[in-house]
Amino acid sequence: MKFVNELFELYRGRLQGTEDDLDMITLTVLGEMTETDILSIIGEMPNEELAWLFRVYLYEGLKEKFNQDQIPADRNRLLH
């Protein structure tokens, strides 16, 4: 989490870490980065961190899809 640690140190003491703060940081950082920058950071991640990143991507993506489809994930879990 090298990049996350660097961002945390940069904003530590300046922001509270609220949802709004985190949205602002992430949108600002993404807006300033190129695809090459992003892929470079991903390329430096250890396997465990890369697996975590992909897990979060899958989790949030599926959550969004279920919310859009208006099928409660808890109710759908009963089917499996």
C-alpha atoms as a PDB file:
ATOM      1  CA  MET A   1       0.000   0.000   0.000  1.00  0.00           C
ATOM      2  CA  LYS A   2       2.912   2.248  -0.764  1.00  0.00           C
ATOM      3  CA  PHE A   3       0.851   4.732  -2.783  1.00  0.00           C
ATOM      4  CA  VAL A   4      -1.959   4.776  -0.201  1.00  0.00           C
ATOM      5  CA  ASN A   5       0.600   5.386   2.557  1.00  0.00           C
ATOM      6  CA  GLU A   6       2.097   8.285   0.597  1.00  0.00           C
ATOM      7  CA  LEU A   7      -1.340   9.859   0.089  1.00  0.00           C
ATOM      8  CA  PHE A   8      -2.217   9.331   3.746  1.00  0.00           C
ATOM      9  CA  GLU A   9       0.945  11.131   4.850  1.00  0.00           C
ATOM     10  CA  LEU A  10       0.258  13.947   2.396  1.00  0.00           C
ATOM     11  CA  TYR A  11      -3.271  14.586   3.681  1.00  0.00           C
ATOM     12  CA  ARG A  12      -2.770  13.582   7.318  1.00  0.00           C
ATOM     13  CA  GLY A  13      -3.699  16.452   9.615  1.00  0.00           C
ATOM     14  CA  ARG A  14      -5.326  18.388   6.776  1.00  0.00           C
ATOM     15  CA  LEU A  15      -8.451  16.283   6.347  1.00  0.00           C
ATOM     16  CA  GLN A  16     -10.597  14.191   8.662  1.00  0.00           C
ATOM     17  CA  GLY A  17     -10.979  11.117   6.458  1.00  0.00           C
ATOM     18  CA  THR A  18     -14.725  11.550   6.020  1.00  0.00           C
ATOM     19  CA  GLU A  19     -16.532  10.055   3.014  1.00  0.00           C
ATOM     20  CA  ASP A  20     -16.446  13.492   1.366  1.00  0.00           C
ATOM     21  CA  ASP A  21     -12.701  13.852   2.029  1.00  0.00           C
ATOM     22  CA  LEU A  22     -11.977  10.410   0.608  1.00  0.00           C
ATOM     23  CA  ASP A  23     -14.126  11.073  -2.471  1.00  0.00           C
ATOM     24  CA  MET A  24     -12.289  14.351  -3.043  1.00  0.00           C
ATOM     25  CA  ILE A  25      -8.860  12.728  -2.679  1.00  0.00           C
ATOM     26  CA  THR A  26      -9.608   9.772  -4.927  1.00  0.00           C
ATOM     27  CA  LEU A  27     -11.267  11.848  -7.643  1.00  0.00           C
ATOM     28  CA  THR A  28      -8.444  14.400  -7.577  1.00  0.00           C
ATOM     29  CA  VAL A  29      -5.742  11.733  -7.747  1.00  0.00           C
ATOM     30  CA  LEU A  30      -7.476   9.826 -10.544  1.00  0.00           C
ATOM     31  CA  GLY A  31      -8.040  13.052 -12.459  1.00  0.00           C
ATOM     32  CA  GLU A  32      -4.322  13.814 -12.396  1.00  0.00           C
ATOM     33  CA  MET A  33      -3.077  10.331 -13.299  1.00  0.00           C
ATOM     34  CA  THR A  34      -2.577   8.840 -16.722  1.00  0.00           C
ATOM     35  CA  GLU A  35      -3.318   5.227 -17.567  1.00  0.00           C
ATOM     36  CA  THR A  36       0.445   4.637 -17.560  1.00  0.00           C
ATOM     37  CA  ASP A  37       0.708   6.066 -14.029  1.00  0.00           C
ATOM     38  CA  ILE A  38      -2.074   3.809 -12.781  1.00  0.00           C
ATOM     39  CA  LEU A  39      -0.638   0.695 -14.427  1.00  0.00           C
ATOM     40  CA  SER A  40       2.792   1.509 -13.002  1.00  0.00           C
ATOM     41  CA  ILE A  41       1.407   1.630  -9.457  1.00  0.00           C
ATOM     42  CA  ILE A  42      -0.521  -1.601 -10.010  1.00  0.00           C
ATOM     43  CA  GLY A  43       2.611  -3.225 -11.420  1.00  0.00           C
ATOM     44  CA  GLU A  44       4.507  -2.443  -8.201  1.00  0.00           C
ATOM     45  CA  MET A  45       1.873  -4.060  -5.963  1.00  0.00           C
ATOM     46  CA  PRO A  46       2.713  -7.306  -4.193  1.00  0.00           C
ATOM     47  CA  ASN A  47       0.443 -10.254  -5.065  1.00  0.00           C
ATOM     48  CA  GLU A  48      -1.555  -9.978  -1.832  1.00  0.00           C
ATOM     49  CA  GLU A  49      -2.328  -6.323  -2.479  1.00  0.00           C
ATOM     50  CA  LEU A  50      -3.241  -7.023  -6.094  1.00  0.00           C
ATOM     51  CA  ALA A  51      -5.634  -9.780  -4.960  1.00  0.00           C
ATOM     52  CA  TRP A  52      -7.194  -7.361  -2.440  1.00  0.00           C
ATOM     53  CA  LEU A  53      -7.599  -4.712  -5.157  1.00  0.00           C
ATOM     54  CA  PHE A  54      -9.326  -7.177  -7.458  1.00  0.00           C
ATOM     55  CA  ARG A  55     -11.540  -8.463  -4.653  1.00  0.00           C
ATOM     56  CA  VAL A  56     -12.685  -4.907  -3.847  1.00  0.00           C
ATOM     57  CA  TYR A  57     -13.282  -4.261  -7.553  1.00  0.00           C
ATOM     58  CA  LEU A  58     -15.444  -7.388  -7.847  1.00  0.00           C
ATOM     59  CA  TYR A  59     -17.297  -6.716  -4.591  1.00  0.00           C
ATOM     60  CA  GLU A  60     -18.121  -3.093  -5.392  1.00  0.00           C
ATOM     61  CA  GLY A  61     -18.984  -3.874  -9.009  1.00  0.00           C
ATOM     62  CA  LEU A  62     -21.370  -6.659  -8.053  1.00  0.00           C
ATOM     63  CA  LYS A  63     -22.891  -4.546  -5.276  1.00  0.00           C
ATOM     64  CA  GLU A  64     -23.548  -1.794  -7.809  1.00  0.00           C
ATOM     65  CA  LYS A  65     -25.143  -4.243 -10.255  1.00  0.00           C
ATOM     66  CA  PHE A  66     -27.411  -5.734  -7.593  1.00  0.00           C
ATOM     67  CA  ASN A  67     -28.391  -2.230  -6.453  1.00  0.00           C
ATOM     68  CA  GLN A  68     -29.172  -1.210 -10.025  1.00  0.00           C
ATOM     69  CA  ASP A  69     -31.208  -4.358 -10.504  1.00  0.00           C
ATOM     70  CA  GLN A  70     -32.892  -3.714  -7.140  1.00  0.00           C
ATOM     71  CA  ILE A  71     -32.351  -7.282  -5.959  1.00  0.00           C
ATOM     72  CA  PRO A  72     -31.281  -7.226  -2.320  1.00  0.00           C
ATOM     73  CA  ALA A  73     -28.011  -9.154  -2.040  1.00  0.00           C
ATOM     74  CA  ASP A  74     -29.134 -10.648   1.312  1.00  0.00           C
ATOM     75  CA  ARG A  75     -32.315 -12.081  -0.215  1.00  0.00           C
ATOM     76  CA  ASN A  76     -30.418 -13.365  -3.229  1.00  0.00           C
ATOM     77  CA  ARG A  77     -27.970 -15.182  -0.924  1.00  0.00           C
ATOM     78  CA  LEU A  78     -30.786 -17.541   0.073  1.00  0.00           C
ATOM     79  CA  LEU A  79     -30.776 -18.935  -3.449  1.00  0.00           C
ATOM     80  CA  HIS A  80     -27.240 -20.317  -3.103  1.00  0.00           C
END
